[in-house]
mmCIF file of all heavy atoms, coordinates in Angstrom:
data_MODEL
# 
_entry.id   MODEL 
# 
loop_
_atom_site.group_PDB 
_atom_site.id 
_atom_site.type_symbol 
_atom_site.label_atom_id 
_atom_site.label_alt_id 
_atom_site.label_comp_id 
_atom_site.label_asym_id 
_atom_site.label_entity_id 
_atom_site.label_seq_id 
_atom_site.pdbx_PDB_ins_code 
_atom_site.Cartn_x 
_atom_site.Cartn_y 
_atom_site.Cartn_z 
_atom_site.occupancy 
_atom_site.B_iso_or_equiv 
_atom_site.pdbx_formal_charge 
_atom_site.auth_seq_id 
_atom_site.auth_comp_id 
_atom_site.auth_asym_id 
_atom_site.auth_atom_id 
_atom_site.pdbx_PDB_model_num 
ATOM 1   N N   . GLU A 1 1  ? 0.814   -1.206 0.026   1.00 0.00 ? 1  GLU A N   1 
ATOM 2   C CA  . GLU A 1 1  ? 0.010   0.023  0.024   1.00 0.00 ? 1  GLU A CA  1 
ATOM 3   C C   . GLU A 1 1  ? 0.866   1.280  0.003   1.00 0.00 ? 1  GLU A C   1 
ATOM 4   O O   . GLU A 1 1  ? 0.645   2.187  -0.786  1.00 0.00 ? 1  GLU A O   1 
ATOM 5   C CB  . GLU A 1 1  ? -0.914  -0.067 1.196   1.00 0.00 ? 1  GLU A CB  1 
ATOM 6   C CG  . GLU A 1 1  ? -1.963  1.091  1.244   1.00 0.00 ? 1  GLU A CG  1 
ATOM 7   C CD  . GLU A 1 1  ? -2.964  1.102  0.096   1.00 0.00 ? 1  GLU A CD  1 
ATOM 8   O OE1 . GLU A 1 1  ? -3.051  0.126  -0.575  1.00 0.00 ? 1  GLU A OE1 1 
ATOM 9   O OE2 . GLU A 1 1  ? -3.619  2.135  -0.062  1.00 0.00 ? 1  GLU A OE2 1 
ATOM 10  N N   . ILE A 1 2  ? 1.940   1.267  0.817   1.00 0.00 ? 2  ILE A N   1 
ATOM 11  C CA  . ILE A 1 2  ? 2.778   2.437  0.851   1.00 0.00 ? 2  ILE A CA  1 
ATOM 12  C C   . ILE A 1 2  ? 3.367   2.777  -0.441  1.00 0.00 ? 2  ILE A C   1 
ATOM 13  O O   . ILE A 1 2  ? 3.475   3.905  -0.877  1.00 0.00 ? 2  ILE A O   1 
ATOM 14  C CB  . ILE A 1 2  ? 3.960   2.201  1.934   1.00 0.00 ? 2  ILE A CB  1 
ATOM 15  C CG1 . ILE A 1 2  ? 3.340   2.129  3.387   1.00 0.00 ? 2  ILE A CG1 1 
ATOM 16  C CG2 . ILE A 1 2  ? 5.005   3.251  1.857   1.00 0.00 ? 2  ILE A CG2 1 
ATOM 17  C CD1 . ILE A 1 2  ? 4.324   1.638  4.432   1.00 0.00 ? 2  ILE A CD1 1 
ATOM 18  N N   . PHE A 1 3  ? 3.878   1.689  -1.129  1.00 0.00 ? 3  PHE A N   1 
ATOM 19  C CA  . PHE A 1 3  ? 4.549   1.915  -2.480  1.00 0.00 ? 3  PHE A CA  1 
ATOM 20  C C   . PHE A 1 3  ? 3.548   1.984  -3.653  1.00 0.00 ? 3  PHE A C   1 
ATOM 21  O O   . PHE A 1 3  ? 4.003   1.933  -4.789  1.00 0.00 ? 3  PHE A O   1 
ATOM 22  C CB  . PHE A 1 3  ? 5.580   0.763  -2.661  1.00 0.00 ? 3  PHE A CB  1 
ATOM 23  C CG  . PHE A 1 3  ? 6.692   0.860  -1.651  1.00 0.00 ? 3  PHE A CG  1 
ATOM 24  C CD1 . PHE A 1 3  ? 6.992   -0.252 -0.945  1.00 0.00 ? 3  PHE A CD1 1 
ATOM 25  C CD2 . PHE A 1 3  ? 7.425   2.018  -1.454  1.00 0.00 ? 3  PHE A CD2 1 
ATOM 26  C CE1 . PHE A 1 3  ? 8.039   -0.234 0.025   1.00 0.00 ? 3  PHE A CE1 1 
ATOM 27  C CE2 . PHE A 1 3  ? 8.384   2.077  -0.560  1.00 0.00 ? 3  PHE A CE2 1 
ATOM 28  C CZ  . PHE A 1 3  ? 8.784   0.935  0.180   1.00 0.00 ? 3  PHE A CZ  1 
ATOM 29  N N   . GLN A 1 4  ? 2.202   2.019  -3.379  1.00 0.00 ? 4  GLN A N   1 
ATOM 30  C CA  . GLN A 1 4  ? 1.211   2.138  -4.408  1.00 0.00 ? 4  GLN A CA  1 
ATOM 31  C C   . GLN A 1 4  ? 1.335   1.051  -5.504  1.00 0.00 ? 4  GLN A C   1 
ATOM 32  O O   . GLN A 1 4  ? 1.113   1.225  -6.668  1.00 0.00 ? 4  GLN A O   1 
ATOM 33  C CB  . GLN A 1 4  ? 1.332   3.488  -5.154  1.00 0.00 ? 4  GLN A CB  1 
ATOM 34  C CG  . GLN A 1 4  ? 1.193   4.680  -4.279  1.00 0.00 ? 4  GLN A CG  1 
ATOM 35  C CD  . GLN A 1 4  ? 1.176   5.951  -5.092  1.00 0.00 ? 4  GLN A CD  1 
ATOM 36  O OE1 . GLN A 1 4  ? 0.359   6.090  -5.974  1.00 0.00 ? 4  GLN A OE1 1 
ATOM 37  N NE2 . GLN A 1 4  ? 2.079   6.867  -4.859  1.00 0.00 ? 4  GLN A NE2 1 
ATOM 38  N N   . THR A 1 5  ? 1.762   -0.175 -5.033  1.00 0.00 ? 5  THR A N   1 
ATOM 39  C CA  . THR A 1 5  ? 2.016   -1.259 -5.917  1.00 0.00 ? 5  THR A CA  1 
ATOM 40  C C   . THR A 1 5  ? 0.829   -1.581 -6.839  1.00 0.00 ? 5  THR A C   1 
ATOM 41  O O   . THR A 1 5  ? 0.986   -1.725 -8.077  1.00 0.00 ? 5  THR A O   1 
ATOM 42  C CB  . THR A 1 5  ? 2.431   -2.499 -5.166  1.00 0.00 ? 5  THR A CB  1 
ATOM 43  O OG1 . THR A 1 5  ? 3.516   -2.155 -4.320  1.00 0.00 ? 5  THR A OG1 1 
ATOM 44  C CG2 . THR A 1 5  ? 2.854   -3.656 -6.082  1.00 0.00 ? 5  THR A CG2 1 
ATOM 45  N N   . ILE A 1 6  ? -0.342  -1.696 -6.234  1.00 0.00 ? 6  ILE A N   1 
ATOM 46  C CA  . ILE A 1 6  ? -1.561  -2.098 -7.060  1.00 0.00 ? 6  ILE A CA  1 
ATOM 47  C C   . ILE A 1 6  ? -1.941  -0.957 -8.031  1.00 0.00 ? 6  ILE A C   1 
ATOM 48  O O   . ILE A 1 6  ? -2.289  -1.234 -9.146  1.00 0.00 ? 6  ILE A O   1 
ATOM 49  C CB  . ILE A 1 6  ? -2.730  -2.506 -6.165  1.00 0.00 ? 6  ILE A CB  1 
ATOM 50  C CG1 . ILE A 1 6  ? -2.327  -3.535 -5.087  1.00 0.00 ? 6  ILE A CG1 1 
ATOM 51  C CG2 . ILE A 1 6  ? -3.937  -2.948 -6.972  1.00 0.00 ? 6  ILE A CG2 1 
ATOM 52  C CD1 . ILE A 1 6  ? -1.979  -4.876 -5.580  1.00 0.00 ? 6  ILE A CD1 1 
ATOM 53  N N   . TYR A 1 7  ? -1.813  0.279  -7.553  1.00 0.00 ? 7  TYR A N   1 
ATOM 54  C CA  . TYR A 1 7  ? -2.111  1.435  -8.389  1.00 0.00 ? 7  TYR A CA  1 
ATOM 55  C C   . TYR A 1 7  ? -1.168  1.458  -9.620  1.00 0.00 ? 7  TYR A C   1 
ATOM 56  O O   . TYR A 1 7  ? -1.633  1.532  -10.763 1.00 0.00 ? 7  TYR A O   1 
ATOM 57  C CB  . TYR A 1 7  ? -2.010  2.715  -7.648  1.00 0.00 ? 7  TYR A CB  1 
ATOM 58  C CG  . TYR A 1 7  ? -2.245  3.934  -8.519  1.00 0.00 ? 7  TYR A CG  1 
ATOM 59  C CD1 . TYR A 1 7  ? -3.456  4.202  -9.090  1.00 0.00 ? 7  TYR A CD1 1 
ATOM 60  C CD2 . TYR A 1 7  ? -1.240  4.838  -8.731  1.00 0.00 ? 7  TYR A CD2 1 
ATOM 61  C CE1 . TYR A 1 7  ? -3.703  5.310  -9.881  1.00 0.00 ? 7  TYR A CE1 1 
ATOM 62  C CE2 . TYR A 1 7  ? -1.405  5.973  -9.579  1.00 0.00 ? 7  TYR A CE2 1 
ATOM 63  C CZ  . TYR A 1 7  ? -2.643  6.204  -10.133 1.00 0.00 ? 7  TYR A CZ  1 
ATOM 64  O OH  . TYR A 1 7  ? -2.844  7.269  -10.931 1.00 0.00 ? 7  TYR A OH  1 
ATOM 65  N N   . GLU A 1 8  ? 0.109   1.195  -9.409  1.00 0.00 ? 8  GLU A N   1 
ATOM 66  C CA  . GLU A 1 8  ? 1.042   1.210  -10.518 1.00 0.00 ? 8  GLU A CA  1 
ATOM 67  C C   . GLU A 1 8  ? 0.803   -0.050 -11.439 1.00 0.00 ? 8  GLU A C   1 
ATOM 68  O O   . GLU A 1 8  ? 0.860   0.160  -12.692 1.00 0.00 ? 8  GLU A O   1 
ATOM 69  C CB  . GLU A 1 8  ? 2.510   1.133  -10.013 1.00 0.00 ? 8  GLU A CB  1 
ATOM 70  C CG  . GLU A 1 8  ? 2.891   2.473  -9.373  1.00 0.00 ? 8  GLU A CG  1 
ATOM 71  C CD  . GLU A 1 8  ? 4.249   2.542  -8.749  1.00 0.00 ? 8  GLU A CD  1 
ATOM 72  O OE1 . GLU A 1 8  ? 5.003   1.500  -8.964  1.00 0.00 ? 8  GLU A OE1 1 
ATOM 73  O OE2 . GLU A 1 8  ? 4.586   3.498  -8.076  1.00 0.00 ? 8  GLU A OE2 1 
ATOM 74  N N   . GLU A 1 9  ? 0.441   -1.140 -10.910 1.00 0.00 ? 9  GLU A N   1 
ATOM 75  C CA  . GLU A 1 9  ? 0.103   -2.338 -11.638 1.00 0.00 ? 9  GLU A CA  1 
ATOM 76  C C   . GLU A 1 9  ? -1.125  -1.967 -12.587 1.00 0.00 ? 9  GLU A C   1 
ATOM 77  O O   . GLU A 1 9  ? -1.129  -2.284 -13.761 1.00 0.00 ? 9  GLU A O   1 
ATOM 78  C CB  . GLU A 1 9  ? -0.208  -3.430 -10.702 1.00 0.00 ? 9  GLU A CB  1 
ATOM 79  C CG  . GLU A 1 9  ? -0.422  -4.802 -11.306 1.00 0.00 ? 9  GLU A CG  1 
ATOM 80  C CD  . GLU A 1 9  ? -0.754  -5.838 -10.218 1.00 0.00 ? 9  GLU A CD  1 
ATOM 81  O OE1 . GLU A 1 9  ? 0.119   -6.206 -9.423  1.00 0.00 ? 9  GLU A OE1 1 
ATOM 82  O OE2 . GLU A 1 9  ? -1.911  -6.309 -10.249 1.00 0.00 ? 9  GLU A OE2 1 
ATOM 83  N N   . ALA A 1 10 ? -2.098  -1.350 -12.051 1.00 0.00 ? 10 ALA A N   1 
ATOM 84  C CA  . ALA A 1 10 ? -3.325  -0.934 -12.816 1.00 0.00 ? 10 ALA A CA  1 
ATOM 85  C C   . ALA A 1 10 ? -2.943  0.039  -13.846 1.00 0.00 ? 10 ALA A C   1 
ATOM 86  O O   . ALA A 1 10 ? -3.480  -0.081 -15.027 1.00 0.00 ? 10 ALA A O   1 
ATOM 87  C CB  . ALA A 1 10 ? -4.418  -0.387 -11.870 1.00 0.00 ? 10 ALA A CB  1 
ATOM 88  N N   . MET A 1 11 ? -2.115  1.032  -13.587 1.00 0.00 ? 11 MET A N   1 
ATOM 89  C CA  . MET A 1 11 ? -1.763  2.027  -14.573 1.00 0.00 ? 11 MET A CA  1 
ATOM 90  C C   . MET A 1 11 ? -0.966  1.421  -15.737 1.00 0.00 ? 11 MET A C   1 
ATOM 91  O O   . MET A 1 11 ? -1.119  1.873  -16.869 1.00 0.00 ? 11 MET A O   1 
ATOM 92  C CB  . MET A 1 11 ? -0.895  3.160  -13.893 1.00 0.00 ? 11 MET A CB  1 
ATOM 93  C CG  . MET A 1 11 ? -1.689  4.002  -12.945 1.00 0.00 ? 11 MET A CG  1 
ATOM 94  S SD  . MET A 1 11 ? -2.983  4.979  -13.768 1.00 0.00 ? 11 MET A SD  1 
ATOM 95  C CE  . MET A 1 11 ? -1.988  6.315  -14.442 1.00 0.00 ? 11 MET A CE  1 
ATOM 96  N N   . GLU A 1 12 ? -0.235  0.363  -15.449 1.00 0.00 ? 12 GLU A N   1 
ATOM 97  C CA  . GLU A 1 12 ? 0.477   -0.264 -16.507 1.00 0.00 ? 12 GLU A CA  1 
ATOM 98  C C   . GLU A 1 12 ? -0.436  -1.325 -17.357 1.00 0.00 ? 12 GLU A C   1 
ATOM 99  O O   . GLU A 1 12 ? -0.209  -1.496 -18.489 1.00 0.00 ? 12 GLU A O   1 
ATOM 100 C CB  . GLU A 1 12 ? 1.689   -1.083 -15.918 1.00 0.00 ? 12 GLU A CB  1 
ATOM 101 C CG  . GLU A 1 12 ? 2.815   -0.245 -15.479 1.00 0.00 ? 12 GLU A CG  1 
ATOM 102 C CD  . GLU A 1 12 ? 3.881   -1.016 -14.768 1.00 0.00 ? 12 GLU A CD  1 
ATOM 103 O OE1 . GLU A 1 12 ? 3.996   -2.232 -14.941 1.00 0.00 ? 12 GLU A OE1 1 
ATOM 104 O OE2 . GLU A 1 12 ? 4.600   -0.357 -13.987 1.00 0.00 ? 12 GLU A OE2 1 
ATOM 105 N N   . ALA A 1 13 ? -1.439  -1.820 -16.732 1.00 0.00 ? 13 ALA A N   1 
ATOM 106 C CA  . ALA A 1 13 ? -2.282  -2.848 -17.319 1.00 0.00 ? 13 ALA A CA  1 
ATOM 107 C C   . ALA A 1 13 ? -3.422  -2.268 -18.130 1.00 0.00 ? 13 ALA A C   1 
ATOM 108 O O   . ALA A 1 13 ? -3.949  -2.932 -19.070 1.00 0.00 ? 13 ALA A O   1 
ATOM 109 C CB  . ALA A 1 13 ? -2.784  -3.848 -16.321 1.00 0.00 ? 13 ALA A CB  1 
ATOM 110 N N   . TYR A 1 14 ? -3.885  -1.033 -17.786 1.00 0.00 ? 14 TYR A N   1 
ATOM 111 C CA  . TYR A 1 14 ? -5.046  -0.501 -18.400 1.00 0.00 ? 14 TYR A CA  1 
ATOM 112 C C   . TYR A 1 14 ? -4.764  0.949  -18.894 1.00 0.00 ? 14 TYR A C   1 
ATOM 113 O O   . TYR A 1 14 ? -3.785  1.575  -18.436 1.00 0.00 ? 14 TYR A O   1 
ATOM 114 C CB  . TYR A 1 14 ? -6.198  -0.436 -17.374 1.00 0.00 ? 14 TYR A CB  1 
ATOM 115 C CG  . TYR A 1 14 ? -6.520  -1.852 -16.889 1.00 0.00 ? 14 TYR A CG  1 
ATOM 116 C CD1 . TYR A 1 14 ? -6.001  -2.265 -15.676 1.00 0.00 ? 14 TYR A CD1 1 
ATOM 117 C CD2 . TYR A 1 14 ? -7.290  -2.725 -17.645 1.00 0.00 ? 14 TYR A CD2 1 
ATOM 118 C CE1 . TYR A 1 14 ? -6.238  -3.552 -15.232 1.00 0.00 ? 14 TYR A CE1 1 
ATOM 119 C CE2 . TYR A 1 14 ? -7.499  -4.017 -17.223 1.00 0.00 ? 14 TYR A CE2 1 
ATOM 120 C CZ  . TYR A 1 14 ? -7.001  -4.409 -16.005 1.00 0.00 ? 14 TYR A CZ  1 
ATOM 121 O OH  . TYR A 1 14 ? -7.200  -5.684 -15.567 1.00 0.00 ? 14 TYR A OH  1 
ATOM 122 N N   . LYS A 1 15 ? -5.631  1.483  -19.748 1.00 0.00 ? 15 LYS A N   1 
ATOM 123 C CA  . LYS A 1 15 ? -5.488  2.847  -20.235 1.00 0.00 ? 15 LYS A CA  1 
ATOM 124 C C   . LYS A 1 15 ? -5.594  3.774  -19.083 1.00 0.00 ? 15 LYS A C   1 
ATOM 125 O O   . LYS A 1 15 ? -6.495  3.640  -18.214 1.00 0.00 ? 15 LYS A O   1 
ATOM 126 C CB  . LYS A 1 15 ? -6.615  3.187  -21.228 1.00 0.00 ? 15 LYS A CB  1 
ATOM 127 C CG  . LYS A 1 15 ? -6.406  2.425  -22.588 1.00 0.00 ? 15 LYS A CG  1 
ATOM 128 C CD  . LYS A 1 15 ? -7.431  3.094  -23.587 1.00 0.00 ? 15 LYS A CD  1 
ATOM 129 C CE  . LYS A 1 15 ? -7.495  2.164  -24.791 1.00 0.00 ? 15 LYS A CE  1 
ATOM 130 N NZ  . LYS A 1 15 ? -8.683  1.313  -24.774 1.00 0.00 ? 15 LYS A NZ  1 
ATOM 131 N N   . GLU A 1 16 ? -4.652  4.711  -18.977 1.00 0.00 ? 16 GLU A N   1 
ATOM 132 C CA  . GLU A 1 16 ? -4.569  5.626  -17.787 1.00 0.00 ? 16 GLU A CA  1 
ATOM 133 C C   . GLU A 1 16 ? -5.918  6.291  -17.428 1.00 0.00 ? 16 GLU A C   1 
ATOM 134 O O   . GLU A 1 16 ? -6.231  6.467  -16.307 1.00 0.00 ? 16 GLU A O   1 
ATOM 135 C CB  . GLU A 1 16 ? -3.563  6.722  -18.127 1.00 0.00 ? 16 GLU A CB  1 
ATOM 136 C CG  . GLU A 1 16 ? -2.659  7.119  -16.993 1.00 0.00 ? 16 GLU A CG  1 
ATOM 137 C CD  . GLU A 1 16 ? -1.586  8.032  -17.454 1.00 0.00 ? 16 GLU A CD  1 
ATOM 138 O OE1 . GLU A 1 16 ? -0.545  7.560  -18.047 1.00 0.00 ? 16 GLU A OE1 1 
ATOM 139 O OE2 . GLU A 1 16 ? -1.736  9.220  -17.232 1.00 0.00 ? 16 GLU A OE2 1 
ATOM 140 N N   . GLU A 1 17 ? -6.659  6.670  -18.557 1.00 0.00 ? 17 GLU A N   1 
ATOM 141 C CA  . GLU A 1 17 ? -7.873  7.449  -18.311 1.00 0.00 ? 17 GLU A CA  1 
ATOM 142 C C   . GLU A 1 17 ? -9.051  6.614  -17.657 1.00 0.00 ? 17 GLU A C   1 
ATOM 143 O O   . GLU A 1 17 ? -10.005 7.181  -17.170 1.00 0.00 ? 17 GLU A O   1 
ATOM 144 C CB  . GLU A 1 17 ? -8.404  8.063  -19.570 1.00 0.00 ? 17 GLU A CB  1 
ATOM 145 C CG  . GLU A 1 17 ? -8.707  7.156  -20.689 1.00 0.00 ? 17 GLU A CG  1 
ATOM 146 C CD  . GLU A 1 17 ? -7.534  6.872  -21.661 1.00 0.00 ? 17 GLU A CD  1 
ATOM 147 O OE1 . GLU A 1 17 ? -6.354  7.093  -21.308 1.00 0.00 ? 17 GLU A OE1 1 
ATOM 148 O OE2 . GLU A 1 17 ? -7.758  6.339  -22.774 1.00 0.00 ? 17 GLU A OE2 1 
ATOM 149 N N   . ILE A 1 18 ? -8.870  5.266  -17.575 1.00 0.00 ? 18 ILE A N   1 
ATOM 150 C CA  . ILE A 1 18 ? -9.946  4.506  -17.004 1.00 0.00 ? 18 ILE A CA  1 
ATOM 151 C C   . ILE A 1 18 ? -9.557  4.084  -15.527 1.00 0.00 ? 18 ILE A C   1 
ATOM 152 O O   . ILE A 1 18 ? -10.334 3.457  -14.879 1.00 0.00 ? 18 ILE A O   1 
ATOM 153 C CB  . ILE A 1 18 ? -10.364 3.259  -17.799 1.00 0.00 ? 18 ILE A CB  1 
ATOM 154 C CG1 . ILE A 1 18 ? -9.353  2.131  -17.739 1.00 0.00 ? 18 ILE A CG1 1 
ATOM 155 C CG2 . ILE A 1 18 ? -10.780 3.683  -19.219 1.00 0.00 ? 18 ILE A CG2 1 
ATOM 156 C CD1 . ILE A 1 18 ? -9.918  0.801  -18.182 1.00 0.00 ? 18 ILE A CD1 1 
ATOM 157 N N   . VAL A 1 19 ? -8.347  4.412  -15.107 1.00 0.00 ? 19 VAL A N   1 
ATOM 158 C CA  . VAL A 1 19 ? -7.890  3.991  -13.771 1.00 0.00 ? 19 VAL A CA  1 
ATOM 159 C C   . VAL A 1 19 ? -8.018  5.156  -12.785 1.00 0.00 ? 19 VAL A C   1 
ATOM 160 O O   . VAL A 1 19 ? -7.529  6.286  -13.015 1.00 0.00 ? 19 VAL A O   1 
ATOM 161 C CB  . VAL A 1 19 ? -6.400  3.547  -13.749 1.00 0.00 ? 19 VAL A CB  1 
ATOM 162 C CG1 . VAL A 1 19 ? -5.969  3.222  -12.360 1.00 0.00 ? 19 VAL A CG1 1 
ATOM 163 C CG2 . VAL A 1 19 ? -6.200  2.322  -14.719 1.00 0.00 ? 19 VAL A CG2 1 
ATOM 164 N N   . HIS A 1 20 ? -8.728  4.925  -11.676 1.00 0.00 ? 20 HIS A N   1 
ATOM 165 C CA  . HIS A 1 20 ? -9.012  5.995  -10.705 1.00 0.00 ? 20 HIS A CA  1 
ATOM 166 C C   . HIS A 1 20 ? -8.730  5.475  -9.260  1.00 0.00 ? 20 HIS A C   1 
ATOM 167 O O   . HIS A 1 20 ? -9.122  4.293  -8.920  1.00 0.00 ? 20 HIS A O   1 
ATOM 168 C CB  . HIS A 1 20 ? -10.503 6.444  -10.765 1.00 0.00 ? 20 HIS A CB  1 
ATOM 169 C CG  . HIS A 1 20 ? -10.902 6.851  -12.133 1.00 0.00 ? 20 HIS A CG  1 
ATOM 170 N ND1 . HIS A 1 20 ? -10.711 8.117  -12.574 1.00 0.00 ? 20 HIS A ND1 1 
ATOM 171 C CD2 . HIS A 1 20 ? -11.411 6.178  -13.180 1.00 0.00 ? 20 HIS A CD2 1 
ATOM 172 C CE1 . HIS A 1 20 ? -11.147 8.230  -13.828 1.00 0.00 ? 20 HIS A CE1 1 
ATOM 173 N NE2 . HIS A 1 20 ? -11.574 7.074  -14.185 1.00 0.00 ? 20 HIS A NE2 1 
ATOM 174 N N   . GLN A 1 21 ? -8.156  6.340  -8.421  1.00 0.00 ? 21 GLN A N   1 
ATOM 175 C CA  . GLN A 1 21 ? -7.910  5.958  -7.075  1.00 0.00 ? 21 GLN A CA  1 
ATOM 176 C C   . GLN A 1 21 ? -9.088  6.498  -6.193  1.00 0.00 ? 21 GLN A C   1 
ATOM 177 O O   . GLN A 1 21 ? -9.567  7.610  -6.476  1.00 0.00 ? 21 GLN A O   1 
ATOM 178 C CB  . GLN A 1 21 ? -6.623  6.643  -6.547  1.00 0.00 ? 21 GLN A CB  1 
ATOM 179 C CG  . GLN A 1 21 ? -5.387  6.096  -7.216  1.00 0.00 ? 21 GLN A CG  1 
ATOM 180 C CD  . GLN A 1 21 ? -4.107  6.608  -6.536  1.00 0.00 ? 21 GLN A CD  1 
ATOM 181 O OE1 . GLN A 1 21 ? -3.808  6.245  -5.433  1.00 0.00 ? 21 GLN A OE1 1 
ATOM 182 N NE2 . GLN A 1 21 ? -3.497  7.547  -7.212  1.00 0.00 ? 21 GLN A NE2 1 
ATOM 183 N N   . LEU A 1 22 ? -9.496  5.707  -5.238  1.00 0.00 ? 22 LEU A N   1 
ATOM 184 C CA  . LEU A 1 22 ? -10.526 6.117  -4.292  1.00 0.00 ? 22 LEU A CA  1 
ATOM 185 C C   . LEU A 1 22 ? -10.029 5.928  -2.876  1.00 0.00 ? 22 LEU A C   1 
ATOM 186 O O   . LEU A 1 22 ? -9.493  4.883  -2.558  1.00 0.00 ? 22 LEU A O   1 
ATOM 187 C CB  . LEU A 1 22 ? -11.807 5.248  -4.495  1.00 0.00 ? 22 LEU A CB  1 
ATOM 188 C CG  . LEU A 1 22 ? -12.507 5.371  -5.821  1.00 0.00 ? 22 LEU A CG  1 
ATOM 189 C CD1 . LEU A 1 22 ? -13.658 4.289  -5.837  1.00 0.00 ? 22 LEU A CD1 1 
ATOM 190 C CD2 . LEU A 1 22 ? -13.077 6.711  -6.087  1.00 0.00 ? 22 LEU A CD2 1 
ATOM 191 N N   . HIS A 1 23 ? -10.228 6.987  -2.075  1.00 0.00 ? 23 HIS A N   1 
ATOM 192 C CA  . HIS A 1 23 ? -9.851  6.824  -0.598  1.00 0.00 ? 23 HIS A CA  1 
ATOM 193 C C   . HIS A 1 23 ? -10.910 5.952  0.049   1.00 0.00 ? 23 HIS A C   1 
ATOM 194 O O   . HIS A 1 23 ? -12.106 6.105  -0.154  1.00 0.00 ? 23 HIS A O   1 
ATOM 195 C CB  . HIS A 1 23 ? -9.765  8.198  0.050   1.00 0.00 ? 23 HIS A CB  1 
ATOM 196 C CG  . HIS A 1 23 ? -8.587  8.984  -0.432  1.00 0.00 ? 23 HIS A CG  1 
ATOM 197 N ND1 . HIS A 1 23 ? -7.344  8.730  -0.101  1.00 0.00 ? 23 HIS A ND1 1 
ATOM 198 C CD2 . HIS A 1 23 ? -8.630  10.056 -1.306  1.00 0.00 ? 23 HIS A CD2 1 
ATOM 199 C CE1 . HIS A 1 23 ? -6.514  9.604  -0.709  1.00 0.00 ? 23 HIS A CE1 1 
ATOM 200 N NE2 . HIS A 1 23 ? -7.272  10.427 -1.419  1.00 0.00 ? 23 HIS A NE2 1 
ATOM 201 N N   . SER A 1 24 ? -10.445 5.030  0.878   1.00 0.00 ? 24 SER A N   1 
ATOM 202 C CA  . SER A 1 24 ? -11.342 4.068  1.598   1.00 0.00 ? 24 SER A CA  1 
ATOM 203 C C   . SER A 1 24 ? -10.884 3.911  3.010   1.00 0.00 ? 24 SER A C   1 
ATOM 204 O O   . SER A 1 24 ? -10.367 2.910  3.433   1.00 0.00 ? 24 SER A O   1 
ATOM 205 C CB  . SER A 1 24 ? -11.265 2.794  0.844   1.00 0.00 ? 24 SER A CB  1 
ATOM 206 O OG  . SER A 1 24 ? -12.065 1.773  1.392   1.00 0.00 ? 24 SER A OG  1 
ATOM 207 N N   . ASN A 1 25 ? -11.162 4.967  3.820   1.00 0.00 ? 25 ASN A N   1 
ATOM 208 C CA  . ASN A 1 25 ? -10.799 4.985  5.208   1.00 0.00 ? 25 ASN A CA  1 
ATOM 209 C C   . ASN A 1 25 ? -11.965 4.986  6.178   1.00 0.00 ? 25 ASN A C   1 
ATOM 210 O O   . ASN A 1 25 ? -11.915 4.387  7.238   1.00 0.00 ? 25 ASN A O   1 
ATOM 211 C CB  . ASN A 1 25 ? -9.917  6.237  5.539   1.00 0.00 ? 25 ASN A CB  1 
ATOM 212 C CG  . ASN A 1 25 ? -8.594  6.112  4.823   1.00 0.00 ? 25 ASN A CG  1 
ATOM 213 O OD1 . ASN A 1 25 ? -7.789  5.233  5.067   1.00 0.00 ? 25 ASN A OD1 1 
ATOM 214 N ND2 . ASN A 1 25 ? -8.310  7.015  3.950   1.00 0.00 ? 25 ASN A ND2 1 
ATOM 215 N N   . THR A 1 26 ? -13.051 5.640  5.792   1.00 0.00 ? 26 THR A N   1 
ATOM 216 C CA  . THR A 1 26 ? -14.181 5.845  6.715   1.00 0.00 ? 26 THR A CA  1 
ATOM 217 C C   . THR A 1 26 ? -15.474 5.417  6.087   1.00 0.00 ? 26 THR A C   1 
ATOM 218 O O   . THR A 1 26 ? -15.579 5.263  4.830   1.00 0.00 ? 26 THR A O   1 
ATOM 219 C CB  . THR A 1 26 ? -14.322 7.373  7.015   1.00 0.00 ? 26 THR A CB  1 
ATOM 220 O OG1 . THR A 1 26 ? -14.622 8.085  5.839   1.00 0.00 ? 26 THR A OG1 1 
ATOM 221 C CG2 . THR A 1 26 ? -12.982 7.904  7.605   1.00 0.00 ? 26 THR A CG2 1 
ATOM 222 N N   . PRO A 1 27 ? -16.557 5.236  6.869   1.00 0.00 ? 27 PRO A N   1 
ATOM 223 C CA  . PRO A 1 27 ? -17.877 5.046  6.312   1.00 0.00 ? 27 PRO A CA  1 
ATOM 224 C C   . PRO A 1 27 ? -18.300 6.142  5.360   1.00 0.00 ? 27 PRO A C   1 
ATOM 225 O O   . PRO A 1 27 ? -18.998 5.848  4.324   1.00 0.00 ? 27 PRO A O   1 
ATOM 226 C CB  . PRO A 1 27 ? -18.820 4.936  7.526   1.00 0.00 ? 27 PRO A CB  1 
ATOM 227 C CG  . PRO A 1 27 ? -17.864 4.498  8.627   1.00 0.00 ? 27 PRO A CG  1 
ATOM 228 C CD  . PRO A 1 27 ? -16.570 5.171  8.309   1.00 0.00 ? 27 PRO A CD  1 
# 
């Protein structure tokens, strides 16, 4: 999570414009 591994994986696997980060900390 610290190194944004999954985000970077997604950015490499899919077109940049369809990849979005969402914060998921609270209800």
